[in-house]
Amino acid sequence: NTIDGESFAIATGRAAKEFRGLVRNNPSAAFIFELLKTEQTEDSIVSA
């Protein structure tokens, strides 16, 4: 999500059992996170 211009990722549900924290993303990392919502390869991310 992005709130007040800050992009972040958090773990919810079962994922929160493995990762407890908040990931603050710069714009390029936020773009990669959006790409990773669907199946990607390293090459497809590089191309994008």
ModelCIF file with pLDDT and N, C-alpha, C, O atoms, coordinates in Angstrom:
data_MODEL
#
_entry.id   MODEL 
#
_entity.id                         1 
_entity.type                       polymer 
_entity.pdbx_number_of_molecules   1 
#
_entity_poly.entity_id                      1 
_entity_poly.type                           'polypeptide(L)' 
_entity_poly.nstd_linkage                   no 
_entity_poly.nstd_monomer                   no 
_entity_poly.pdbx_seq_one_letter_code       NTIDGESFAIATGRAAKEFRGLVRNNPSAAFIFELLKTEQTEDSIVSA 
_entity_poly.pdbx_seq_one_letter_code_can   NTIDGESFAIATGRAAKEFRGLVRNNPSAAFIFELLKTEQTEDSIVSA 
_entity_poly.pdbx_strand_id                 A 
#
loop_
_entity_poly_seq.entity_id 
_entity_poly_seq.num 
_entity_poly_seq.mon_id 
_entity_poly_seq.hetero 
1 1  ASN n 
1 2  THR n 
1 3  ILE n 
1 4  ASP n 
1 5  GLY n 
1 6  GLU n 
1 7  SER n 
1 8  PHE n 
1 9  ALA n 
1 10 ILE n 
1 11 ALA n 
1 12 THR n 
1 13 GLY n 
1 14 ARG n 
1 15 ALA n 
1 16 ALA n 
1 17 LYS n 
1 18 GLU n 
1 19 PHE n 
1 20 ARG n 
1 21 GLY n 
1 22 LEU n 
1 23 VAL n 
1 24 ARG n 
1 25 ASN n 
1 26 ASN n 
1 27 PRO n 
1 28 SER n 
1 29 ALA n 
1 30 ALA n 
1 31 PHE n 
1 32 ILE n 
1 33 PHE n 
1 34 GLU n 
1 35 LEU n 
1 36 LEU n 
1 37 LYS n 
1 38 THR n 
1 39 GLU n 
1 40 GLN n 
1 41 THR n 
1 42 GLU n 
1 43 ASP n 
1 44 SER n 
1 45 ILE n 
1 46 VAL n 
1 47 SER n 
1 48 ALA n 
#
_struct_asym.id          A 
_struct_asym.entity_id   1 
#
loop_
_ma_qa_metric.id 
_ma_qa_metric.mode 
_ma_qa_metric.name 
_ma_qa_metric.software_group_id 
_ma_qa_metric.type 
1 global pLDDT . pLDDT 
2 local  pLDDT . pLDDT 
#
_ma_qa_metric_global.metric_id      1 
_ma_qa_metric_global.metric_value   95.00 
_ma_qa_metric_global.model_id       1 
_ma_qa_metric_global.ordinal_id     1 
#
loop_
_ma_qa_metric_local.label_asym_id 
_ma_qa_metric_local.label_comp_id 
_ma_qa_metric_local.label_seq_id 
_ma_qa_metric_local.metric_id 
_ma_qa_metric_local.metric_value 
_ma_qa_metric_local.model_id 
_ma_qa_metric_local.ordinal_id 
A ASN 1  2 95.00 1 1  
A THR 2  2 95.00 1 2  
A ILE 3  2 93.00 1 3  
A ASP 4  2 94.00 1 4  
A GLY 5  2 92.00 1 5  
A GLU 6  2 95.00 1 6  
A SER 7  2 97.00 1 7  
A PHE 8  2 96.00 1 8  
A ALA 9  2 96.00 1 9  
A ILE 10 2 94.00 1 10 
A ALA 11 2 94.00 1 11 
A THR 12 2 94.00 1 12 
A GLY 13 2 93.00 1 13 
A ARG 14 2 91.00 1 14 
A ALA 15 2 91.00 1 15 
A ALA 16 2 91.00 1 16 
A LYS 17 2 90.00 1 17 
A GLU 18 2 89.00 1 18 
A PHE 19 2 90.00 1 19 
A ARG 20 2 89.00 1 20 
A GLY 21 2 88.00 1 21 
A LEU 22 2 91.00 1 22 
A VAL 23 2 94.00 1 23 
A ARG 24 2 95.00 1 24 
A ASN 25 2 96.00 1 25 
A ASN 26 2 95.00 1 26 
A PRO 27 2 95.00 1 27 
A SER 28 2 95.00 1 28 
A ALA 29 2 97.00 1 29 
A ALA 30 2 97.00 1 30 
A PHE 31 2 97.00 1 31 
A ILE 32 2 98.00 1 32 
A PHE 33 2 97.00 1 33 
A GLU 34 2 97.00 1 34 
A LEU 35 2 98.00 1 35 
A LEU 36 2 98.00 1 36 
A LYS 37 2 97.00 1 37 
A THR 38 2 97.00 1 38 
A GLU 39 2 98.00 1 39 
A GLN 40 2 98.00 1 40 
A THR 41 2 98.00 1 41 
A GLU 42 2 97.00 1 42 
A ASP 43 2 98.00 1 43 
A SER 44 2 98.00 1 44 
A ILE 45 2 98.00 1 45 
A VAL 46 2 98.00 1 46 
A SER 47 2 98.00 1 47 
A ALA 48 2 98.00 1 48 
#
loop_
_atom_site.group_PDB 
_atom_site.id 
_atom_site.type_symbol 
_atom_site.label_atom_id 
_atom_site.label_alt_id 
_atom_site.label_comp_id 
_atom_site.label_asym_id 
_atom_site.label_entity_id 
_atom_site.label_seq_id 
_atom_site.pdbx_PDB_ins_code 
_atom_site.Cartn_x 
_atom_site.Cartn_y 
_atom_site.Cartn_z 
_atom_site.occupancy 
_atom_site.B_iso_or_equiv 
_atom_site.pdbx_formal_charge 
_atom_site.auth_seq_id 
_atom_site.auth_comp_id 
_atom_site.auth_asym_id 
_atom_site.auth_atom_id 
_atom_site.pdbx_PDB_model_num 
ATOM 1   N N  . ASN A 1 1  ? 0.850  -1.184  0.000   1.00 95.00 ? 1  ASN A N  1 
ATOM 2   C CA . ASN A 1 1  ? 0.000  0.000   0.000   1.00 95.00 ? 1  ASN A CA 1 
ATOM 3   C C  . ASN A 1 1  ? 0.884  1.232   0.000   1.00 95.00 ? 1  ASN A C  1 
ATOM 4   O O  . ASN A 1 1  ? 2.082  1.161   0.273   1.00 95.00 ? 1  ASN A O  1 
ATOM 5   N N  . THR A 1 2  ? 0.270  2.357   -0.311  1.00 95.00 ? 2  THR A N  1 
ATOM 6   C CA . THR A 1 2  ? 0.948  3.646   -0.229  1.00 95.00 ? 2  THR A CA 1 
ATOM 7   C C  . THR A 1 2  ? 0.077  4.566   0.604   1.00 95.00 ? 2  THR A C  1 
ATOM 8   O O  . THR A 1 2  ? -1.104 4.758   0.314   1.00 95.00 ? 2  THR A O  1 
ATOM 9   N N  . ILE A 1 3  ? 0.666  5.127   1.633   1.00 93.00 ? 3  ILE A N  1 
ATOM 10  C CA . ILE A 1 3  ? -0.040 6.065   2.492   1.00 93.00 ? 3  ILE A CA 1 
ATOM 11  C C  . ILE A 1 3  ? 0.821  7.312   2.627   1.00 93.00 ? 3  ILE A C  1 
ATOM 12  O O  . ILE A 1 3  ? 1.993  7.238   2.998   1.00 93.00 ? 3  ILE A O  1 
ATOM 13  N N  . ASP A 1 4  ? 0.230  8.438   2.326   1.00 94.00 ? 4  ASP A N  1 
ATOM 14  C CA . ASP A 1 4  ? 0.912  9.718   2.445   1.00 94.00 ? 4  ASP A CA 1 
ATOM 15  C C  . ASP A 1 4  ? 2.247  9.718   1.707   1.00 94.00 ? 4  ASP A C  1 
ATOM 16  O O  . ASP A 1 4  ? 3.238  10.264  2.192   1.00 94.00 ? 4  ASP A O  1 
ATOM 17  N N  . GLY A 1 5  ? 2.257  9.099   0.528   1.00 92.00 ? 5  GLY A N  1 
ATOM 18  C CA . GLY A 1 5  ? 3.447  9.064   -0.304  1.00 92.00 ? 5  GLY A CA 1 
ATOM 19  C C  . GLY A 1 5  ? 4.470  8.011   0.069   1.00 92.00 ? 5  GLY A C  1 
ATOM 20  O O  . GLY A 1 5  ? 5.482  7.877   -0.619  1.00 92.00 ? 5  GLY A O  1 
ATOM 21  N N  . GLU A 1 6  ? 4.241  7.265   1.127   1.00 95.00 ? 6  GLU A N  1 
ATOM 22  C CA . GLU A 1 6  ? 5.158  6.209   1.556   1.00 95.00 ? 6  GLU A CA 1 
ATOM 23  C C  . GLU A 1 6  ? 4.636  4.855   1.092   1.00 95.00 ? 6  GLU A C  1 
ATOM 24  O O  . GLU A 1 6  ? 3.491  4.501   1.375   1.00 95.00 ? 6  GLU A O  1 
ATOM 25  N N  . SER A 1 7  ? 5.461  4.101   0.385   1.00 97.00 ? 7  SER A N  1 
ATOM 26  C CA . SER A 1 7  ? 5.085  2.760   -0.059  1.00 97.00 ? 7  SER A CA 1 
ATOM 27  C C  . SER A 1 7  ? 5.631  1.739   0.929   1.00 97.00 ? 7  SER A C  1 
ATOM 28  O O  . SER A 1 7  ? 6.758  1.855   1.410   1.00 97.00 ? 7  SER A O  1 
ATOM 29  N N  . PHE A 1 8  ? 4.811  0.743   1.220   1.00 96.00 ? 8  PHE A N  1 
ATOM 30  C CA . PHE A 1 8  ? 5.244  -0.264  2.171   1.00 96.00 ? 8  PHE A CA 1 
ATOM 31  C C  . PHE A 1 8  ? 4.586  -1.598  1.871   1.00 96.00 ? 8  PHE A C  1 
ATOM 32  O O  . PHE A 1 8  ? 3.641  -1.687  1.087   1.00 96.00 ? 8  PHE A O  1 
ATOM 33  N N  . ALA A 1 9  ? 5.109  -2.634  2.516   1.00 96.00 ? 9  ALA A N  1 
ATOM 34  C CA . ALA A 1 9  ? 4.535  -3.983  2.449   1.00 96.00 ? 9  ALA A CA 1 
ATOM 35  C C  . ALA A 1 9  ? 4.524  -4.545  3.857   1.00 96.00 ? 9  ALA A C  1 
ATOM 36  O O  . ALA A 1 9  ? 5.448  -4.328  4.641   1.00 96.00 ? 9  ALA A O  1 
ATOM 37  N N  . ILE A 1 10 ? 3.467  -5.264  4.160   1.00 94.00 ? 10 ILE A N  1 
ATOM 38  C CA . ILE A 1 10 ? 3.361  -5.931  5.455   1.00 94.00 ? 10 ILE A CA 1 
ATOM 39  C C  . ILE A 1 10 ? 2.849  -7.351  5.233   1.00 94.00 ? 10 ILE A C  1 
ATOM 40  O O  . ILE A 1 10 ? 2.225  -7.656  4.217   1.00 94.00 ? 10 ILE A O  1 
ATOM 41  N N  . ALA A 1 11 ? 3.124  -8.193  6.194   1.00 94.00 ? 11 ALA A N  1 
ATOM 42  C CA . ALA A 1 11 ? 2.627  -9.566  6.148   1.00 94.00 ? 11 ALA A CA 1 
ATOM 43  C C  . ALA A 1 11 ? 1.364  -9.645  6.997   1.00 94.00 ? 11 ALA A C  1 
ATOM 44  O O  . ALA A 1 11 ? 1.304  -9.099  8.099   1.00 94.00 ? 11 ALA A O  1 
ATOM 45  N N  . THR A 1 12 ? 0.360  -10.331 6.467   1.00 94.00 ? 12 THR A N  1 
ATOM 46  C CA . THR A 1 12 ? -0.883 -10.541 7.192   1.00 94.00 ? 12 THR A CA 1 
ATOM 47  C C  . THR A 1 12 ? -1.176 -12.034 7.242   1.00 94.00 ? 12 THR A C  1 
ATOM 48  O O  . THR A 1 12 ? -0.565 -12.820 6.518   1.00 94.00 ? 12 THR A O  1 
ATOM 49  N N  . GLY A 1 13 ? -2.110 -12.418 8.096   1.00 93.00 ? 13 GLY A N  1 
ATOM 50  C CA . GLY A 1 13 ? -2.520 -13.819 8.175   1.00 93.00 ? 13 GLY A CA 1 
ATOM 51  C C  . GLY A 1 13 ? -1.363 -14.747 8.461   1.00 93.00 ? 13 GLY A C  1 
ATOM 52  O O  . GLY A 1 13 ? -0.518 -14.460 9.308   1.00 93.00 ? 13 GLY A O  1 
ATOM 53  N N  . ARG A 1 14 ? -1.327 -15.862 7.750   1.00 91.00 ? 14 ARG A N  1 
ATOM 54  C CA . ARG A 1 14 ? -0.271 -16.866 7.961   1.00 91.00 ? 14 ARG A CA 1 
ATOM 55  C C  . ARG A 1 14 ? 1.114  -16.310 7.684   1.00 91.00 ? 14 ARG A C  1 
ATOM 56  O O  . ARG A 1 14 ? 2.085  -16.687 8.341   1.00 91.00 ? 14 ARG A O  1 
ATOM 57  N N  . ALA A 1 15 ? 1.206  -15.404 6.699   1.00 91.00 ? 15 ALA A N  1 
ATOM 58  C CA . ALA A 1 15 ? 2.512  -14.833 6.360   1.00 91.00 ? 15 ALA A CA 1 
ATOM 59  C C  . ALA A 1 15 ? 3.114  -14.068 7.537   1.00 91.00 ? 15 ALA A C  1 
ATOM 60  O O  . ALA A 1 15 ? 4.335  -13.970 7.659   1.00 91.00 ? 15 ALA A O  1 
ATOM 61  N N  . ALA A 1 16 ? 2.256  -13.529 8.403   1.00 91.00 ? 16 ALA A N  1 
ATOM 62  C CA . ALA A 1 16 ? 2.737  -12.775 9.565   1.00 91.00 ? 16 ALA A CA 1 
ATOM 63  C C  . ALA A 1 16 ? 3.412  -13.673 10.593  1.00 91.00 ? 16 ALA A C  1 
ATOM 64  O O  . ALA A 1 16 ? 4.131  -13.184 11.463  1.00 91.00 ? 16 ALA A O  1 
ATOM 65  N N  . LYS A 1 17 ? 3.189  -14.978 10.503  1.00 90.00 ? 17 LYS A N  1 
ATOM 66  C CA . LYS A 1 17 ? 3.862  -15.899 11.409  1.00 90.00 ? 17 LYS A CA 1 
ATOM 67  C C  . LYS A 1 17 ? 5.333  -16.066 11.036  1.00 90.00 ? 17 LYS A C  1 
ATOM 68  O O  . LYS A 1 17 ? 6.167  -16.399 11.877  1.00 90.00 ? 17 LYS A O  1 
ATOM 69  N N  . GLU A 1 18 ? 5.636  -15.826 9.752   1.00 89.00 ? 18 GLU A N  1 
ATOM 70  C CA . GLU A 1 18 ? 7.004  -15.980 9.272   1.00 89.00 ? 18 GLU A CA 1 
ATOM 71  C C  . GLU A 1 18 ? 7.745  -14.655 9.177   1.00 89.00 ? 18 GLU A C  1 
ATOM 72  O O  . GLU A 1 18 ? 8.970  -14.620 9.292   1.00 89.00 ? 18 GLU A O  1 
ATOM 73  N N  . PHE A 1 19 ? 7.015  -13.568 8.970   1.00 90.00 ? 19 PHE A N  1 
ATOM 74  C CA . PHE A 1 19 ? 7.648  -12.256 8.861   1.00 90.00 ? 19 PHE A CA 1 
ATOM 75  C C  . PHE A 1 19 ? 6.855  -11.249 9.675   1.00 90.00 ? 19 PHE A C  1 
ATOM 76  O O  . PHE A 1 19 ? 5.690  -10.967 9.395   1.00 90.00 ? 19 PHE A O  1 
ATOM 77  N N  . ARG A 1 20 ? 7.505  -10.727 10.668  1.00 89.00 ? 20 ARG A N  1 
ATOM 78  C CA . ARG A 1 20 ? 6.864  -9.711  11.517  1.00 89.00 ? 20 ARG A CA 1 
ATOM 79  C C  . ARG A 1 20 ? 7.603  -8.417  11.315  1.00 89.00 ? 20 ARG A C  1 
ATOM 80  O O  . ARG A 1 20 ? 8.708  -8.226  11.823  1.00 89.00 ? 20 ARG A O  1 
ATOM 81  N N  . GLY A 1 21 ? 6.994  -7.544  10.580  1.00 88.00 ? 21 GLY A N  1 
ATOM 82  C CA . GLY A 1 21 ? 7.642  -6.270  10.339  1.00 88.00 ? 21 GLY A CA 1 
ATOM 83  C C  . GLY A 1 21 ? 6.971  -5.525  9.215   1.00 88.00 ? 21 GLY A C  1 
ATOM 84  O O  . GLY A 1 21 ? 5.911  -5.906  8.720   1.00 88.00 ? 21 GLY A O  1 
ATOM 85  N N  . LEU A 1 22 ? 7.615  -4.465  8.835   1.00 91.00 ? 22 LEU A N  1 
ATOM 86  C CA . LEU A 1 22 ? 7.131  -3.579  7.792   1.00 91.00 ? 22 LEU A CA 1 
ATOM 87  C C  . LEU A 1 22 ? 8.277  -3.331  6.832   1.00 91.00 ? 22 LEU A C  1 
ATOM 88  O O  . LEU A 1 22 ? 9.405  -3.084  7.258   1.00 91.00 ? 22 LEU A O  1 
ATOM 89  N N  . VAL A 1 23 ? 7.999  -3.396  5.549   1.00 94.00 ? 23 VAL A N  1 
ATOM 90  C CA . VAL A 1 23 ? 9.006  -3.112  4.540   1.00 94.00 ? 23 VAL A CA 1 
ATOM 91  C C  . VAL A 1 23 ? 8.662  -1.768  3.922   1.00 94.00 ? 23 VAL A C  1 
ATOM 92  O O  . VAL A 1 23 ? 7.610  -1.613  3.300   1.00 94.00 ? 23 VAL A O  1 
ATOM 93  N N  . ARG A 1 24 ? 9.552  -0.795  4.094   1.00 95.00 ? 24 ARG A N  1 
ATOM 94  C CA . ARG A 1 24 ? 9.359  0.504   3.450   1.00 95.00 ? 24 ARG A CA 1 
ATOM 95  C C  . ARG A 1 24 ? 10.095 0.466   2.125   1.00 95.00 ? 24 ARG A C  1 
ATOM 96  O O  . ARG A 1 24 ? 11.275 0.122   2.064   1.00 95.00 ? 24 ARG A O  1 
ATOM 97  N N  . ASN A 1 25 ? 9.378  0.825   1.059   1.00 96.00 ? 25 ASN A N  1 
ATOM 98  C CA . ASN A 1 25 ? 9.930  0.728   -0.285  1.00 96.00 ? 25 ASN A CA 1 
ATOM 99  C C  . ASN A 1 25 ? 10.163 2.092   -0.915  1.00 96.00 ? 25 ASN A C  1 
ATOM 100 O O  . ASN A 1 25 ? 9.347  3.004   -0.783  1.00 96.00 ? 25 ASN A O  1 
ATOM 101 N N  . ASN A 1 26 ? 11.292 2.212   -1.601  1.00 95.00 ? 26 ASN A N  1 
ATOM 102 C CA . ASN A 1 26 ? 11.480 3.374   -2.453  1.00 95.00 ? 26 ASN A CA 1 
ATOM 103 C C  . ASN A 1 26 ? 10.661 3.124   -3.728  1.00 95.00 ? 26 ASN A C  1 
ATOM 104 O O  . ASN A 1 26 ? 10.127 2.027   -3.890  1.00 95.00 ? 26 ASN A O  1 
ATOM 105 N N  . PRO A 1 27 ? 10.546 4.093   -4.629  1.00 95.00 ? 27 PRO A N  1 
ATOM 106 C CA . PRO A 1 27 ? 9.686  3.903   -5.809  1.00 95.00 ? 27 PRO A CA 1 
ATOM 107 C C  . PRO A 1 27 ? 10.034 2.685   -6.673  1.00 95.00 ? 27 PRO A C  1 
ATOM 108 O O  . PRO A 1 27 ? 9.135  2.002   -7.162  1.00 95.00 ? 27 PRO A O  1 
ATOM 109 N N  . SER A 1 28 ? 11.317 2.410   -6.865  1.00 95.00 ? 28 SER A N  1 
ATOM 110 C CA . SER A 1 28 ? 11.657 1.263   -7.713  1.00 95.00 ? 28 SER A CA 1 
ATOM 111 C C  . SER A 1 28 ? 11.341 -0.058  -7.013  1.00 95.00 ? 28 SER A C  1 
ATOM 112 O O  . SER A 1 28 ? 10.889 -1.001  -7.663  1.00 95.00 ? 28 SER A O  1 
ATOM 113 N N  . ALA A 1 29 ? 11.569 -0.143  -5.708  1.00 97.00 ? 29 ALA A N  1 
ATOM 114 C CA . ALA A 1 29 ? 11.210 -1.358  -4.967  1.00 97.00 ? 29 ALA A CA 1 
ATOM 115 C C  . ALA A 1 29 ? 9.696  -1.539  -4.943  1.00 97.00 ? 29 ALA A C  1 
ATOM 116 O O  . ALA A 1 29 ? 9.203  -2.662  -5.054  1.00 97.00 ? 29 ALA A O  1 
ATOM 117 N N  . ALA A 1 30 ? 8.956  -0.439  -4.798  1.00 97.00 ? 30 ALA A N  1 
ATOM 118 C CA . ALA A 1 30 ? 7.493  -0.520  -4.821  1.00 97.00 ? 30 ALA A CA 1 
ATOM 119 C C  . ALA A 1 30 ? 7.009  -1.044  -6.172  1.00 97.00 ? 30 ALA A C  1 
ATOM 120 O O  . ALA A 1 30 ? 6.056  -1.821  -6.231  1.00 97.00 ? 30 ALA A O  1 
ATOM 121 N N  . PHE A 1 31 ? 7.655  -0.626  -7.248  1.00 97.00 ? 31 PHE A N  1 
ATOM 122 C CA . PHE A 1 31 ? 7.316  -1.112  -8.587  1.00 97.00 ? 31 PHE A CA 1 
ATOM 123 C C  . PHE A 1 31 ? 7.555  -2.617  -8.684  1.00 97.00 ? 31 PHE A C  1 
ATOM 124 O O  . PHE A 1 31 ? 6.737  -3.345  -9.246  1.00 97.00 ? 31 PHE A O  1 
ATOM 125 N N  . ILE A 1 32 ? 8.672  -3.076  -8.137  1.00 98.00 ? 32 ILE A N  1 
ATOM 126 C CA . ILE A 1 32 ? 8.982  -4.509  -8.167  1.00 98.00 ? 32 ILE A CA 1 
ATOM 127 C C  . ILE A 1 32 ? 7.972  -5.287  -7.330  1.00 98.00 ? 32 ILE A C  1 
ATOM 128 O O  . ILE A 1 32 ? 7.527  -6.358  -7.743  1.00 98.00 ? 32 ILE A O  1 
ATOM 129 N N  . PHE A 1 33 ? 7.607  -4.773  -6.177  1.00 97.00 ? 33 PHE A N  1 
ATOM 130 C CA . PHE A 1 33 ? 6.587  -5.434  -5.356  1.00 97.00 ? 33 PHE A CA 1 
ATOM 131 C C  . PHE A 1 33 ? 5.276  -5.567  -6.128  1.00 97.00 ? 33 PHE A C  1 
ATOM 132 O O  . PHE A 1 33 ? 4.617  -6.604  -6.057  1.00 97.00 ? 33 PHE A O  1 
ATOM 133 N N  . GLU A 1 34 ? 4.897  -4.525  -6.861  1.00 97.00 ? 34 GLU A N  1 
ATOM 134 C CA . GLU A 1 34 ? 3.666  -4.594  -7.665  1.00 97.00 ? 34 GLU A CA 1 
ATOM 135 C C  . GLU A 1 34 ? 3.787  -5.674  -8.734  1.00 97.00 ? 34 GLU A C  1 
ATOM 136 O O  . GLU A 1 34 ? 2.842  -6.428  -8.967  1.00 97.00 ? 34 GLU A O  1 
ATOM 137 N N  . LEU A 1 35 ? 4.941  -5.751  -9.381  1.00 98.00 ? 35 LEU A N  1 
ATOM 138 C CA . LEU A 1 35 ? 5.163  -6.801  -10.383 1.00 98.00 ? 35 LEU A CA 1 
ATOM 139 C C  . LEU A 1 35 ? 5.037  -8.185  -9.755  1.00 98.00 ? 35 LEU A C  1 
ATOM 140 O O  . LEU A 1 35 ? 4.483  -9.103  -10.360 1.00 98.00 ? 35 LEU A O  1 
ATOM 141 N N  . LEU A 1 36 ? 5.551  -8.324  -8.548  1.00 98.00 ? 36 LEU A N  1 
ATOM 142 C CA . LEU A 1 36 ? 5.567  -9.627  -7.879  1.00 98.00 ? 36 LEU A CA 1 
ATOM 143 C C  . LEU A 1 36 ? 4.209  -10.070 -7.355  1.00 98.00 ? 36 LEU A C  1 
ATOM 144 O O  . LEU A 1 36 ? 4.097  -11.133 -6.744  1.00 98.00 ? 36 LEU A O  1 
ATOM 145 N N  . LYS A 1 37 ? 3.190  -9.277  -7.586  1.00 97.00 ? 37 LYS A N  1 
ATOM 146 C CA . LYS A 1 37 ? 1.829  -9.725  -7.242  1.00 97.00 ? 37 LYS A CA 1 
ATOM 147 C C  . LYS A 1 37 ? 1.364  -10.790 -8.217  1.00 97.00 ? 37 LYS A C  1 
ATOM 148 O O  . LYS A 1 37 ? 0.413  -11.521 -7.939  1.00 97.00 ? 37 LYS A O  1 
ATOM 149 N N  . THR A 1 38 ? 2.037  -10.881 -9.368  1.00 97.00 ? 38 THR A N  1 
ATOM 150 C CA . THR A 1 38 ? 1.793  -11.945 -10.341 1.00 97.00 ? 38 THR A CA 1 
ATOM 151 C C  . THR A 1 38 ? 3.117  -12.668 -10.574 1.00 97.00 ? 38 THR A C  1 
ATOM 152 O O  . THR A 1 38 ? 4.185  -12.147 -10.255 1.00 97.00 ? 38 THR A O  1 
ATOM 153 N N  . GLU A 1 39 ? 3.035  -13.844 -11.121 1.00 98.00 ? 39 GLU A N  1 
ATOM 154 C CA . GLU A 1 39 ? 4.222  -14.666 -11.365 1.00 98.00 ? 39 GLU A CA 1 
ATOM 155 C C  . GLU A 1 39 ? 5.214  -13.914 -12.258 1.00 98.00 ? 39 GLU A C  1 
ATOM 156 O O  . GLU A 1 39 ? 4.847  -13.403 -13.316 1.00 98.00 ? 39 GLU A O  1 
ATOM 157 N N  . GLN A 1 40 ? 6.457  -13.855 -11.823 1.00 98.00 ? 40 GLN A N  1 
ATOM 158 C CA . GLN A 1 40 ? 7.515  -13.163 -12.553 1.00 98.00 ? 40 GLN A CA 1 
ATOM 159 C C  . GLN A 1 40 ? 8.781  -13.998 -12.546 1.00 98.00 ? 40 GLN A C  1 
ATOM 160 O O  . GLN A 1 40 ? 8.943  -14.912 -11.738 1.00 98.00 ? 40 GLN A O  1 
ATOM 161 N N  . THR A 1 41 ? 9.669  -13.665 -13.461 1.00 98.00 ? 41 THR A N  1 
ATOM 162 C CA . THR A 1 41 ? 11.034 -14.186 -13.424 1.00 98.00 ? 41 THR A CA 1 
ATOM 163 C C  . THR A 1 41 ? 11.947 -12.993 -13.181 1.00 98.00 ? 41 THR A C  1 
ATOM 164 O O  . THR A 1 41 ? 11.534 -11.841 -13.320 1.00 98.00 ? 41 THR A O  1 
ATOM 165 N N  . GLU A 1 42 ? 13.166 -13.277 -12.825 1.00 97.00 ? 42 GLU A N  1 
ATOM 166 C CA . GLU A 1 42 ? 14.119 -12.182 -12.641 1.00 97.00 ? 42 GLU A CA 1 
ATOM 167 C C  . GLU A 1 42 ? 14.260 -11.397 -13.946 1.00 97.00 ? 42 GLU A C  1 
ATOM 168 O O  . GLU A 1 42 ? 14.333 -10.168 -13.930 1.00 97.00 ? 42 GLU A O  1 
ATOM 169 N N  . ASP A 1 43 ? 14.297 -12.106 -15.068 1.00 98.00 ? 43 ASP A N  1 
ATOM 170 C CA . ASP A 1 43 ? 14.417 -11.437 -16.370 1.00 98.00 ? 43 ASP A CA 1 
ATOM 171 C C  . ASP A 1 43 ? 13.206 -10.566 -16.691 1.00 98.00 ? 43 ASP A C  1 
ATOM 172 O O  . ASP A 1 43 ? 13.360 -9.483  -17.255 1.00 98.00 ? 43 ASP A O  1 
ATOM 173 N N  . SER A 1 44 ? 12.012 -11.022 -16.342 1.00 98.00 ? 44 SER A N  1 
ATOM 174 C CA . SER A 1 44 ? 10.820 -10.211 -16.636 1.00 98.00 ? 44 SER A CA 1 
ATOM 175 C C  . SER A 1 44 ? 10.807 -8.942  -15.786 1.00 98.00 ? 44 SER A C  1 
ATOM 176 O O  . SER A 1 44 ? 10.347 -7.896  -16.244 1.00 98.00 ? 44 SER A O  1 
ATOM 177 N N  . ILE A 1 45 ? 11.302 -9.027  -14.568 1.00 98.00 ? 45 ILE A N  1 
ATOM 178 C CA . ILE A 1 45 ? 11.388 -7.841  -13.717 1.00 98.00 ? 45 ILE A CA 1 
ATOM 179 C C  . ILE A 1 45 ? 12.428 -6.875  -14.276 1.00 98.00 ? 45 ILE A C  1 
ATOM 180 O O  . ILE A 1 45 ? 12.188 -5.670  -14.342 1.00 98.00 ? 45 ILE A O  1 
ATOM 181 N N  . VAL A 1 46 ? 13.575 -7.402  -14.675 1.00 98.00 ? 46 VAL A N  1 
ATOM 182 C CA . VAL A 1 46 ? 14.619 -6.555  -15.272 1.00 98.00 ? 46 VAL A CA 1 
ATOM 183 C C  . VAL A 1 46 ? 14.082 -5.852  -16.510 1.00 98.00 ? 46 VAL A C  1 
ATOM 184 O O  . VAL A 1 46 ? 14.307 -4.655  -16.689 1.00 98.00 ? 46 VAL A O  1 
ATOM 185 N N  . SER A 1 47 ? 13.379 -6.575  -17.359 1.00 98.00 ? 47 SER A N  1 
ATOM 186 C CA . SER A 1 47 ? 12.819 -5.983  -18.581 1.00 98.00 ? 47 SER A CA 1 
ATOM 187 C C  . SER A 1 47 ? 11.838 -4.859  -18.260 1.00 98.00 ? 47 SER A C  1 
ATOM 188 O O  . SER A 1 47 ? 11.873 -3.799  -18.885 1.00 98.00 ? 47 SER A O  1 
ATOM 189 N N  . ALA A 1 48 ? 10.969 -5.094  -17.287 1.00 98.00 ? 48 ALA A N  1 
ATOM 190 C CA . ALA A 1 48 ? 9.993  -4.067  -16.894 1.00 98.00 ? 48 ALA A CA 1 
ATOM 191 C C  . ALA A 1 48 ? 10.697 -2.842  -16.323 1.00 98.00 ? 48 ALA A C  1 
ATOM 192 O O  . ALA A 1 48 ? 10.039 -1.875  -15.939 1.00 98.00 ? 48 ALA A O  1 
#
